[in-house]
Amino acid sequence: IALGGGVVGDLAGFAAACWMRGVRFVQVPTTLLAMVDSAVGGKTGV
């Protein structure tokens, strides 16, 4: 579960994509930018 803005969401999503080749993750965005953009759509990375 990613609780935070875009940095936390992108990091947690990237880890979820890699761990055991993919585990479930949940976005709990706490910034406006993350709510309307980075938390939706599945882009993850560093």
PDB file of all heavy atoms in Angstrom:
ATOM      1  N   ILE A   1       0.851  -1.186   0.000  1.00  0.00           N
ATOM      2  CA  ILE A   1       0.000   0.000   0.000  1.00  0.00           C
ATOM      3  C   ILE A   1       0.890   1.241   0.000  1.00  0.00           C
ATOM      4  O   ILE A   1       1.744   1.393   0.871  1.00  0.00           O
ATOM      5  CB  ILE A   1      -0.944   0.031   1.217  1.00  0.00           C
ATOM      6  CG1 ILE A   1      -1.890  -1.175   1.169  1.00  0.00           C
ATOM      7  CG2 ILE A   1      -1.742   1.328   1.249  1.00  0.00           C
ATOM      8  CD1 ILE A   1      -2.856  -1.253   2.340  1.00  0.00           C
ATOM      9  N   ALA A   2       0.686   2.110  -0.979  1.00  0.00           N
ATOM     10  CA  ALA A   2       1.429   3.361  -1.081  1.00  0.00           C
ATOM     11  C   ALA A   2       0.593   4.472  -0.470  1.00  0.00           C
ATOM     12  O   ALA A   2      -0.466   4.816  -1.002  1.00  0.00           O
ATOM     13  CB  ALA A   2       1.746   3.675  -2.533  1.00  0.00           C
ATOM     14  N   LEU A   3       1.065   5.039   0.626  1.00  0.00           N
ATOM     15  CA  LEU A   3       0.375   6.132   1.310  1.00  0.00           C
ATOM     16  C   LEU A   3       1.221   7.389   1.170  1.00  0.00           C
ATOM     17  O   LEU A   3       2.230   7.555   1.853  1.00  0.00           O
ATOM     18  CB  LEU A   3       0.171   5.779   2.787  1.00  0.00           C
ATOM     19  CG  LEU A   3      -0.402   6.882   3.684  1.00  0.00           C
ATOM     20  CD1 LEU A   3      -1.840   7.207   3.301  1.00  0.00           C
ATOM     21  CD2 LEU A   3      -0.317   6.469   5.158  1.00  0.00           C
ATOM     22  N   GLY A   4       0.839   8.268   0.262  1.00  0.00           N
ATOM     23  CA  GLY A   4       1.627   9.475   0.069  1.00  0.00           C
ATOM     24  C   GLY A   4       1.424  10.066  -1.313  1.00  0.00           C
ATOM     25  O   GLY A   4       0.417   9.811  -1.984  1.00  0.00           O
ATOM     26  N   GLY A   5       2.402  10.840  -1.753  1.00  0.00           N
ATOM     27  CA  GLY A   5       2.333  11.498  -3.047  1.00  0.00           C
ATOM     28  C   GLY A   5       2.951  10.668  -4.151  1.00  0.00           C
ATOM     29  O   GLY A   5       3.096   9.449  -4.042  1.00  0.00           O
ATOM     30  N   GLY A   6       3.353  11.360  -5.223  1.00  0.00           N
ATOM     31  CA  GLY A   6       3.833  10.658  -6.401  1.00  0.00           C
ATOM     32  C   GLY A   6       5.112   9.872  -6.185  1.00  0.00           C
ATOM     33  O   GLY A   6       5.281   8.792  -6.765  1.00  0.00           O
ATOM     34  N   VAL A   7       6.024  10.383  -5.365  1.00  0.00           N
ATOM     35  CA  VAL A   7       7.275   9.672  -5.128  1.00  0.00           C
ATOM     36  C   VAL A   7       7.010   8.336  -4.452  1.00  0.00           C
ATOM     37  O   VAL A   7       7.492   7.284  -4.888  1.00  0.00           O
ATOM     38  CB  VAL A   7       8.238  10.534  -4.282  1.00  0.00           C
ATOM     39  CG1 VAL A   7       9.446   9.720  -3.834  1.00  0.00           C
ATOM     40  CG2 VAL A   7       8.699  11.750  -5.085  1.00  0.00           C
ATOM     41  N   VAL A   8       6.231   8.354  -3.393  1.00  0.00           N
ATOM     42  CA  VAL A   8       5.897   7.113  -2.679  1.00  0.00           C
ATOM     43  C   VAL A   8       5.130   6.161  -3.591  1.00  0.00           C
ATOM     44  O   VAL A   8       5.412   4.952  -3.638  1.00  0.00           O
ATOM     45  CB  VAL A   8       5.075   7.425  -1.411  1.00  0.00           C
ATOM     46  CG1 VAL A   8       4.468   6.157  -0.832  1.00  0.00           C
ATOM     47  CG2 VAL A   8       5.958   8.100  -0.367  1.00  0.00           C
ATOM     48  N   GLY A   9       4.167   6.681  -4.332  1.00  0.00           N
ATOM     49  CA  GLY A   9       3.378   5.838  -5.218  1.00  0.00           C
ATOM     50  C   GLY A   9       4.208   5.193  -6.306  1.00  0.00           C
ATOM     51  O   GLY A   9       4.054   3.990  -6.603  1.00  0.00           O
ATOM     52  N   ASP A  10       5.097   5.964  -6.944  1.00  0.00           N
ATOM     53  CA  ASP A  10       5.939   5.416  -8.006  1.00  0.00           C
ATOM     54  C   ASP A  10       6.897   4.362  -7.465  1.00  0.00           C
ATOM     55  O   ASP A  10       7.126   3.322  -8.092  1.00  0.00           O
ATOM     56  CB  ASP A  10       6.732   6.534  -8.674  1.00  0.00           C
ATOM     57  CG  ASP A  10       5.896   7.358  -9.638  1.00  0.00           C
ATOM     58  OD1 ASP A  10       4.677   7.100  -9.748  1.00  0.00           O
ATOM     59  OD2 ASP A  10       6.451   8.267 -10.283  1.00  0.00           O
ATOM     60  N   LEU A  11       7.478   4.626  -6.293  1.00  0.00           N
ATOM     61  CA  LEU A  11       8.405   3.674  -5.675  1.00  0.00           C
ATOM     62  C   LEU A  11       7.708   2.378  -5.288  1.00  0.00           C
ATOM     63  O   LEU A  11       8.172   1.280  -5.599  1.00  0.00           O
ATOM     64  CB  LEU A  11       9.023   4.299  -4.425  1.00  0.00           C
ATOM     65  CG  LEU A  11      10.309   5.091  -4.576  1.00  0.00           C
ATOM     66  CD1 LEU A  11      10.574   5.866  -3.302  1.00  0.00           C
ATOM     67  CD2 LEU A  11      11.484   4.154  -4.875  1.00  0.00           C
ATOM     68  N   ALA A  12       6.594   2.509  -4.573  1.00  0.00           N
ATOM     69  CA  ALA A  12       5.875   1.325  -4.106  1.00  0.00           C
ATOM     70  C   ALA A  12       5.346   0.515  -5.282  1.00  0.00           C
ATOM     71  O   ALA A  12       5.378  -0.718  -5.263  1.00  0.00           O
ATOM     72  CB  ALA A  12       4.730   1.734  -3.181  1.00  0.00           C
ATOM     73  N   GLY A  13       4.863   1.204  -6.299  1.00  0.00           N
ATOM     74  CA  GLY A  13       4.378   0.498  -7.482  1.00  0.00           C
ATOM     75  C   GLY A  13       5.489  -0.231  -8.207  1.00  0.00           C
ATOM     76  O   GLY A  13       5.299  -1.351  -8.702  1.00  0.00           O
ATOM     77  N   PHE A  14       6.658   0.396  -8.287  1.00  0.00           N
ATOM     78  CA  PHE A  14       7.808  -0.253  -8.921  1.00  0.00           C
ATOM     79  C   PHE A  14       8.215  -1.500  -8.147  1.00  0.00           C
ATOM     80  O   PHE A  14       8.476  -2.559  -8.727  1.00  0.00           O
ATOM     81  CB  PHE A  14       8.968   0.735  -9.003  1.00  0.00           C
ATOM     82  CG  PHE A  14      10.221   0.163  -9.606  1.00  0.00           C
ATOM     83  CD1 PHE A  14      10.222  -0.318 -10.905  1.00  0.00           C
ATOM     84  CD2 PHE A  14      11.399   0.111  -8.879  1.00  0.00           C
ATOM     85  CE1 PHE A  14      11.390  -0.837 -11.475  1.00  0.00           C
ATOM     86  CE2 PHE A  14      12.569  -0.402  -9.427  1.00  0.00           C
ATOM     87  CZ  PHE A  14      12.558  -0.883 -10.726  1.00  0.00           C
ATOM     88  N   ALA A  15       8.260  -1.393  -6.822  1.00  0.00           N
ATOM     89  CA  ALA A  15       8.590  -2.561  -6.000  1.00  0.00           C
ATOM     90  C   ALA A  15       7.549  -3.662  -6.181  1.00  0.00           C
ATOM     91  O   ALA A  15       7.887  -4.843  -6.274  1.00  0.00           O
ATOM     92  CB  ALA A  15       8.685  -2.154  -4.533  1.00  0.00           C
ATOM     93  N   ALA A  16       6.270  -3.270  -6.256  1.00  0.00           N
ATOM     94  CA  ALA A  16       5.206  -4.260  -6.445  1.00  0.00           C
ATOM     95  C   ALA A  16       5.324  -4.944  -7.796  1.00  0.00           C
ATOM     96  O   ALA A  16       5.046  -6.140  -7.928  1.00  0.00           O
ATOM     97  CB  ALA A  16       3.844  -3.585  -6.313  1.00  0.00           C
ATOM     98  N   ALA A  17       5.735  -4.203  -8.819  1.00  0.00           N
ATOM     99  CA  ALA A  17       5.897  -4.789 -10.147  1.00  0.00           C
ATOM    100  C   ALA A  17       7.033  -5.800 -10.179  1.00  0.00           C
ATOM    101  O   ALA A  17       6.971  -6.804 -10.901  1.00  0.00           O
ATOM    102  CB  ALA A  17       6.152  -3.687 -11.172  1.00  0.00           C
ATOM    103  N   CYS A  18       8.082  -5.555  -9.380  1.00  0.00           N
ATOM    104  CA  CYS A  18       9.271  -6.400  -9.408  1.00  0.00           C
ATOM    105  C   CYS A  18       9.222  -7.572  -8.437  1.00  0.00           C
ATOM    106  O   CYS A  18       9.775  -8.643  -8.717  1.00  0.00           O
ATOM    107  CB  CYS A  18      10.510  -5.552  -9.098  1.00  0.00           C
ATOM    108  SG  CYS A  18      10.852  -4.251 -10.292  1.00  0.00           S
ATOM    109  N   TRP A  19       8.581  -7.372  -7.277  1.00  0.00           N
ATOM    110  CA  TRP A  19       8.638  -8.398  -6.239  1.00  0.00           C
ATOM    111  C   TRP A  19       7.896  -9.651  -6.686  1.00  0.00           C
ATOM    112  O   TRP A  19       6.713  -9.606  -7.004  1.00  0.00           O
ATOM    113  CB  TRP A  19       8.033  -7.880  -4.938  1.00  0.00           C
ATOM    114  CG  TRP A  19       8.208  -8.837  -3.791  1.00  0.00           C
ATOM    115  CD1 TRP A  19       7.253  -9.630  -3.228  1.00  0.00           C
ATOM    116  CD2 TRP A  19       9.424  -9.117  -3.098  1.00  0.00           C
ATOM    117  NE1 TRP A  19       7.786 -10.376  -2.219  1.00  0.00           N
ATOM    118  CE2 TRP A  19       9.131 -10.091  -2.120  1.00  0.00           C
ATOM    119  CE3 TRP A  19      10.730  -8.636  -3.210  1.00  0.00           C
ATOM    120  CZ2 TRP A  19      10.099 -10.584  -1.262  1.00  0.00           C
ATOM    121  CZ3 TRP A  19      11.692  -9.134  -2.349  1.00  0.00           C
ATOM    122  CH2 TRP A  19      11.377 -10.091  -1.388  1.00  0.00           C
ATOM    123  N   MET A  20       8.628 -10.769  -6.744  1.00  0.00           N
ATOM    124  CA  MET A  20       8.065 -12.041  -7.205  1.00  0.00           C
ATOM    125  C   MET A  20       7.337 -11.880  -8.537  1.00  0.00           C
ATOM    126  O   MET A  20       6.326 -12.514  -8.801  1.00  0.00           O
ATOM    127  CB  MET A  20       7.141 -12.637  -6.141  1.00  0.00           C
ATOM    128  CG  MET A  20       7.863 -13.024  -4.878  1.00  0.00           C
ATOM    129  SD  MET A  20       6.810 -13.920  -3.714  1.00  0.00           S
ATOM    130  CE  MET A  20       8.022 -14.328  -2.448  1.00  0.00           C
ATOM    131  N   ARG A  21       7.870 -10.950  -9.367  1.00  0.00           N
ATOM    132  CA  ARG A  21       7.349 -10.661 -10.709  1.00  0.00           C
ATOM    133  C   ARG A  21       5.935 -10.097 -10.701  1.00  0.00           C
ATOM    134  O   ARG A  21       5.192 -10.219 -11.670  1.00  0.00           O
ATOM    135  CB  ARG A  21       7.424 -11.903 -11.602  1.00  0.00           C
ATOM    136  CG  ARG A  21       8.851 -12.401 -11.824  1.00  0.00           C
ATOM    137  CD  ARG A  21       8.907 -13.526 -12.845  1.00  0.00           C
ATOM    138  NE  ARG A  21      10.288 -13.900 -13.107  1.00  0.00           N
ATOM    139  CZ  ARG A  21      10.954 -14.833 -12.434  1.00  0.00           C
ATOM    140  NH1 ARG A  21      10.350 -15.475 -11.447  1.00  0.00           N
ATOM    141  NH2 ARG A  21      12.199 -15.122 -12.738  1.00  0.00           N
ATOM    142  N   GLY A  22       5.586  -9.509  -9.571  1.00  0.00           N
ATOM    143  CA  GLY A  22       4.327  -8.791  -9.547  1.00  0.00           C
ATOM    144  C   GLY A  22       3.403  -9.187  -8.420  1.00  0.00           C
ATOM    145  O   GLY A  22       2.911 -10.310  -8.375  1.00  0.00           O
ATOM    146  N   VAL A  23       3.190  -8.245  -7.479  1.00  0.00           N
ATOM    147  CA  VAL A  23       2.209  -8.458  -6.414  1.00  0.00           C
ATOM    148  C   VAL A  23       1.220  -7.288  -6.427  1.00  0.00           C
ATOM    149  O   VAL A  23       1.452  -6.250  -7.046  1.00  0.00           O
ATOM    150  CB  VAL A  23       2.881  -8.559  -5.023  1.00  0.00           C
ATOM    151  CG1 VAL A  23       3.789  -9.768  -4.944  1.00  0.00           C
ATOM    152  CG2 VAL A  23       3.645  -7.281  -4.674  1.00  0.00           C
ATOM    153  N   ARG A  24       0.135  -7.486  -5.734  1.00  0.00           N
ATOM    154  CA  ARG A  24      -0.927  -6.484  -5.681  1.00  0.00           C
ATOM    155  C   ARG A  24      -0.450  -5.236  -4.953  1.00  0.00           C
ATOM    156  O   ARG A  24       0.292  -5.309  -3.971  1.00  0.00           O
ATOM    157  CB  ARG A  24      -2.132  -7.079  -4.942  1.00  0.00           C
ATOM    158  CG  ARG A  24      -3.343  -6.190  -4.790  1.00  0.00           C
ATOM    159  CD  ARG A  24      -4.356  -6.821  -3.854  1.00  0.00           C
ATOM    160  NE  ARG A  24      -4.748  -8.169  -4.252  1.00  0.00           N
ATOM    161  CZ  ARG A  24      -4.321  -9.269  -3.661  1.00  0.00           C
ATOM    162  NH1 ARG A  24      -3.505  -9.203  -2.620  1.00  0.00           N
ATOM    163  NH2 ARG A  24      -4.723 -10.452  -4.070  1.00  0.00           N
ATOM    164  N   PHE A  25      -0.892  -4.057  -5.455  1.00  0.00           N
ATOM    165  CA  PHE A  25      -0.641  -2.855  -4.664  1.00  0.00           C
ATOM    166  C   PHE A  25      -1.813  -1.893  -4.772  1.00  0.00           C
ATOM    167  O   PHE A  25      -2.627  -1.969  -5.694  1.00  0.00           O
ATOM    168  CB  PHE A  25       0.699  -2.205  -5.040  1.00  0.00           C
ATOM    169  CG  PHE A  25       0.683  -1.203  -6.155  1.00  0.00           C
ATOM    170  CD1 PHE A  25       0.878   0.143  -5.885  1.00  0.00           C
ATOM    171  CD2 PHE A  25       0.521  -1.601  -7.470  1.00  0.00           C
ATOM    172  CE1 PHE A  25       0.910   1.082  -6.916  1.00  0.00           C
ATOM    173  CE2 PHE A  25       0.555  -0.668  -8.503  1.00  0.00           C
ATOM    174  CZ  PHE A  25       0.744   0.676  -8.219  1.00  0.00           C
ATOM    175  N   VAL A  26      -1.884  -1.046  -3.761  1.00  0.00           N
ATOM    176  CA  VAL A  26      -2.987  -0.089  -3.617  1.00  0.00           C
ATOM    177  C   VAL A  26      -2.394   1.306  -3.500  1.00  0.00           C
ATOM    178  O   VAL A  26      -1.422   1.511  -2.775  1.00  0.00           O
ATOM    179  CB  VAL A  26      -3.828  -0.417  -2.361  1.00  0.00           C
ATOM    180  CG1 VAL A  26      -4.843   0.683  -2.076  1.00  0.00           C
ATOM    181  CG2 VAL A  26      -4.526  -1.759  -2.537  1.00  0.00           C
ATOM    182  N   GLN A  27      -2.975   2.244  -4.210  1.00  0.00           N
ATOM    183  CA  GLN A  27      -2.556   3.634  -4.128  1.00  0.00           C
ATOM    184  C   GLN A  27      -3.494   4.400  -3.183  1.00  0.00           C
ATOM    185  O   GLN A  27      -4.714   4.387  -3.367  1.00  0.00           O
ATOM    186  CB  GLN A  27      -2.606   4.282  -5.511  1.00  0.00           C
ATOM    187  CG  GLN A  27      -1.561   3.770  -6.490  1.00  0.00           C
ATOM    188  CD  GLN A  27      -0.259   4.554  -6.415  1.00  0.00           C
ATOM    189  OE1 GLN A  27       0.057   5.190  -5.402  1.00  0.00           O
ATOM    190  NE2 GLN A  27       0.515   4.516  -7.482  1.00  0.00           N
ATOM    191  N   VAL A  28      -2.903   5.055  -2.195  1.00  0.00           N
ATOM    192  CA  VAL A  28      -3.653   5.961  -1.319  1.00  0.00           C
ATOM    193  C   VAL A  28      -2.995   7.335  -1.437  1.00  0.00           C
ATOM    194  O   VAL A  28      -2.172   7.726  -0.603  1.00  0.00           O
ATOM    195  CB  VAL A  28      -3.666   5.475   0.144  1.00  0.00           C
ATOM    196  CG1 VAL A  28      -4.582   6.370   0.990  1.00  0.00           C
ATOM    197  CG2 VAL A  28      -4.137   4.022   0.232  1.00  0.00           C
ATOM    198  N   PRO A  29      -3.303   8.081  -2.496  1.00  0.00           N
ATOM    199  CA  PRO A  29      -2.635   9.357  -2.732  1.00  0.00           C
ATOM    200  C   PRO A  29      -3.082  10.419  -1.748  1.00  0.00           C
ATOM    201  O   PRO A  29      -4.266  10.533  -1.428  1.00  0.00           O
ATOM    202  CB  PRO A  29      -3.056   9.714  -4.159  1.00  0.00           C
ATOM    203  CG  PRO A  29      -4.377   9.025  -4.343  1.00  0.00           C
ATOM    204  CD  PRO A  29      -4.274   7.750  -3.556  1.00  0.00           C
ATOM    205  N   THR A  30      -2.120  11.206  -1.290  1.00  0.00           N
ATOM    206  CA  THR A  30      -2.433  12.265  -0.318  1.00  0.00           C
ATOM    207  C   THR A  30      -2.083  13.642  -0.853  1.00  0.00           C
ATOM    208  O   THR A  30      -2.114  14.623  -0.109  1.00  0.00           O
ATOM    209  CB  THR A  30      -1.679  12.031   1.001  1.00  0.00           C
ATOM    210  OG1 THR A  30      -0.270  11.999   0.735  1.00  0.00           O
ATOM    211  CG2 THR A  30      -2.109  10.724   1.650  1.00  0.00           C
ATOM    212  N   THR A  31      -1.728  13.735  -2.136  1.00  0.00           N
ATOM    213  CA  THR A  31      -1.513  15.025  -2.788  1.00  0.00           C
ATOM    214  C   THR A  31      -2.462  15.125  -3.967  1.00  0.00           C
ATOM    215  O   THR A  31      -2.871  14.109  -4.545  1.00  0.00           O
ATOM    216  CB  THR A  31      -0.070  15.208  -3.288  1.00  0.00           C
ATOM    217  OG1 THR A  31       0.171  14.294  -4.375  1.00  0.00           O
ATOM    218  CG2 THR A  31       0.935  14.962  -2.185  1.00  0.00           C
ATOM    219  N   LEU A  32      -2.789  16.335  -4.350  1.00  0.00           N
ATOM    220  CA  LEU A  32      -3.681  16.532  -5.494  1.00  0.00           C
ATOM    221  C   LEU A  32      -3.050  15.991  -6.761  1.00  0.00           C
ATOM    222  O   LEU A  32      -3.725  15.339  -7.575  1.00  0.00           O
ATOM    223  CB  LEU A  32      -4.003  18.020  -5.648  1.00  0.00           C
ATOM    224  CG  LEU A  32      -4.907  18.407  -6.820  1.00  0.00           C
ATOM    225  CD1 LEU A  32      -6.248  17.697  -6.737  1.00  0.00           C
ATOM    226  CD2 LEU A  32      -5.102  19.924  -6.861  1.00  0.00           C
ATOM    227  N   LEU A  33      -1.762  16.224  -6.951  1.00  0.00           N
ATOM    228  CA  LEU A  33      -1.097  15.748  -8.159  1.00  0.00           C
ATOM    229  C   LEU A  33      -1.169  14.229  -8.267  1.00  0.00           C
ATOM    230  O   LEU A  33      -1.441  13.677  -9.342  1.00  0.00           O
ATOM    231  CB  LEU A  33       0.357  16.232  -8.179  1.00  0.00           C
ATOM    232  CG  LEU A  33       1.100  16.061  -9.504  1.00  0.00           C
ATOM    233  CD1 LEU A  33       2.096  17.204  -9.704  1.00  0.00           C
ATOM    234  CD2 LEU A  33       1.846  14.727  -9.548  1.00  0.00           C
ATOM    235  N   ALA A  34      -0.931  13.542  -7.170  1.00  0.00           N
ATOM    236  CA  ALA A  34      -1.000  12.080  -7.209  1.00  0.00           C
ATOM    237  C   ALA A  34      -2.420  11.598  -7.468  1.00  0.00           C
ATOM    238  O   ALA A  34      -2.638  10.642  -8.214  1.00  0.00           O
ATOM    239  CB  ALA A  34      -0.472  11.498  -5.901  1.00  0.00           C
ATOM    240  N   MET A  35      -3.414  12.255  -6.856  1.00  0.00           N
ATOM    241  CA  MET A  35      -4.809  11.829  -7.054  1.00  0.00           C
ATOM    242  C   MET A  35      -5.229  11.879  -8.514  1.00  0.00           C
ATOM    243  O   MET A  35      -5.901  10.974  -9.002  1.00  0.00           O
ATOM    244  CB  MET A  35      -5.741  12.711  -6.227  1.00  0.00           C
ATOM    245  CG  MET A  35      -5.696  12.466  -4.745  1.00  0.00           C
ATOM    246  SD  MET A  35      -6.859  13.539  -3.857  1.00  0.00           S
ATOM    247  CE  MET A  35      -6.411  13.174  -2.157  1.00  0.00           C
ATOM    248  N   VAL A  36      -4.846  12.948  -9.203  1.00  0.00           N
ATOM    249  CA  VAL A  36      -5.356  13.144 -10.557  1.00  0.00           C
ATOM    250  C   VAL A  36      -4.416  12.601 -11.620  1.00  0.00           C
ATOM    251  O   VAL A  36      -4.784  12.535 -12.792  1.00  0.00           O
ATOM    252  CB  VAL A  36      -5.636  14.629 -10.843  1.00  0.00           C
ATOM    253  CG1 VAL A  36      -6.642  15.181  -9.845  1.00  0.00           C
ATOM    254  CG2 VAL A  36      -4.361  15.467 -10.836  1.00  0.00           C
ATOM    255  N   ASP A  37      -3.211  12.201 -11.229  1.00  0.00           N
ATOM    256  CA  ASP A  37      -2.263  11.782 -12.254  1.00  0.00           C
ATOM    257  C   ASP A  37      -1.507  10.512 -11.892  1.00  0.00           C
ATOM    258  O   ASP A  37      -1.826   9.438 -12.364  1.00  0.00           O
ATOM    259  CB  ASP A  37      -1.281  12.922 -12.548  1.00  0.00           C
ATOM    260  CG  ASP A  37      -0.358  12.608 -13.706  1.00  0.00           C
ATOM    261  OD1 ASP A  37      -0.867  12.321 -14.802  1.00  0.00           O
ATOM    262  OD2 ASP A  37       0.874  12.632 -13.523  1.00  0.00           O
ATOM    263  N   SER A  38      -0.499  10.607 -11.019  1.00  0.00           N
ATOM    264  CA  SER A  38       0.441   9.500 -10.883  1.00  0.00           C
ATOM    265  C   SER A  38      -0.148   8.251 -10.248  1.00  0.00           C
ATOM    266  O   SER A  38       0.325   7.141 -10.504  1.00  0.00           O
ATOM    267  CB  SER A  38       1.674   9.960 -10.088  1.00  0.00           C
ATOM    268  OG  SER A  38       1.324  10.386  -8.794  1.00  0.00           O
ATOM    269  N   ALA A  39      -1.189   8.384  -9.410  1.00  0.00           N
ATOM    270  CA  ALA A  39      -1.754   7.206  -8.748  1.00  0.00           C
ATOM    271  C   ALA A  39      -2.636   6.386  -9.676  1.00  0.00           C
ATOM    272  O   ALA A  39      -2.956   5.233  -9.363  1.00  0.00           O
ATOM    273  CB  ALA A  39      -2.561   7.630  -7.516  1.00  0.00           C
ATOM    274  N   VAL A  40      -3.031   6.958 -10.795  1.00  0.00           N
ATOM    275  CA  VAL A  40      -3.945   6.289 -11.731  1.00  0.00           C
ATOM    276  C   VAL A  40      -3.204   5.978 -13.019  1.00  0.00           C
ATOM    277  O   VAL A  40      -2.552   6.858 -13.585  1.00  0.00           O
ATOM    278  CB  VAL A  40      -5.158   7.191 -12.042  1.00  0.00           C
ATOM    279  CG1 VAL A  40      -6.123   6.490 -12.993  1.00  0.00           C
ATOM    280  CG2 VAL A  40      -5.868   7.599 -10.763  1.00  0.00           C
ATOM    281  N   GLY A  41      -3.271   4.736 -13.455  1.00  0.00           N
ATOM    282  CA  GLY A  41      -2.710   4.417 -14.761  1.00  0.00           C
ATOM    283  C   GLY A  41      -1.562   3.443 -14.780  1.00  0.00           C
ATOM    284  O   GLY A  41      -1.167   2.967 -15.845  1.00  0.00           O
ATOM    285  N   GLY A  42      -0.976   3.136 -13.620  1.00  0.00           N
ATOM    286  CA  GLY A  42      -0.011   2.038 -13.572  1.00  0.00           C
ATOM    287  C   GLY A  42       1.413   2.364 -13.962  1.00  0.00           C
ATOM    288  O   GLY A  42       2.236   1.456 -14.092  1.00  0.00           O
ATOM    289  N   LYS A  43       1.745   3.634 -14.153  1.00  0.00           N
ATOM    290  CA  LYS A  43       3.151   3.970 -14.401  1.00  0.00           C
ATOM    291  C   LYS A  43       3.898   3.966 -13.072  1.00  0.00           C
ATOM    292  O   LYS A  43       3.503   4.647 -12.129  1.00  0.00           O
ATOM    293  CB  LYS A  43       3.282   5.350 -15.040  1.00  0.00           C
ATOM    294  CG  LYS A  43       3.043   5.381 -16.530  1.00  0.00           C
ATOM    295  CD  LYS A  43       3.399   6.761 -17.064  1.00  0.00           C
ATOM    296  CE  LYS A  43       3.262   6.839 -18.551  1.00  0.00           C
ATOM    297  NZ  LYS A  43       3.638   8.180 -19.072  1.00  0.00           N
ATOM    298  N   THR A  44       4.977   3.209 -13.010  1.00  0.00           N
ATOM    299  CA  THR A  44       5.798   3.154 -11.808  1.00  0.00           C
ATOM    300  C   THR A  44       7.253   3.337 -12.217  1.00  0.00           C
ATOM    301  O   THR A  44       7.606   3.129 -13.375  1.00  0.00           O
ATOM    302  CB  THR A  44       5.645   1.804 -11.084  1.00  0.00           C
ATOM    303  OG1 THR A  44       6.351   0.786 -11.832  1.00  0.00           O
ATOM    304  CG2 THR A  44       4.180   1.402 -10.961  1.00  0.00           C
ATOM    305  N   GLY A  45       8.107   3.722 -11.263  1.00  0.00           N
ATOM    306  CA  GLY A  45       9.501   3.824 -11.634  1.00  0.00           C
ATOM    307  C   GLY A  45      10.320   4.676 -10.702  1.00  0.00           C
ATOM    308  O   GLY A  45       9.818   5.234  -9.723  1.00  0.00           O
ATOM    309  N   VAL A  46      11.609   4.769 -11.037  1.00  0.00           N
ATOM    310  CA  VAL A  46      12.567   5.563 -10.275  1.00  0.00           C
ATOM    311  C   VAL A  46      13.414   6.375 -11.244  1.00  0.00           C
ATOM    312  O   VAL A  46      13.438   6.122 -12.454  1.00  0.00           O
ATOM    313  CB  VAL A  46      13.472   4.675  -9.396  1.00  0.00           C
ATOM    314  CG1 VAL A  46      12.646   3.938  -8.345  1.00  0.00           C
ATOM    315  CG2 VAL A  46      14.261   3.685 -10.250  1.00  0.00           C
TER     316      VAL A  46
END
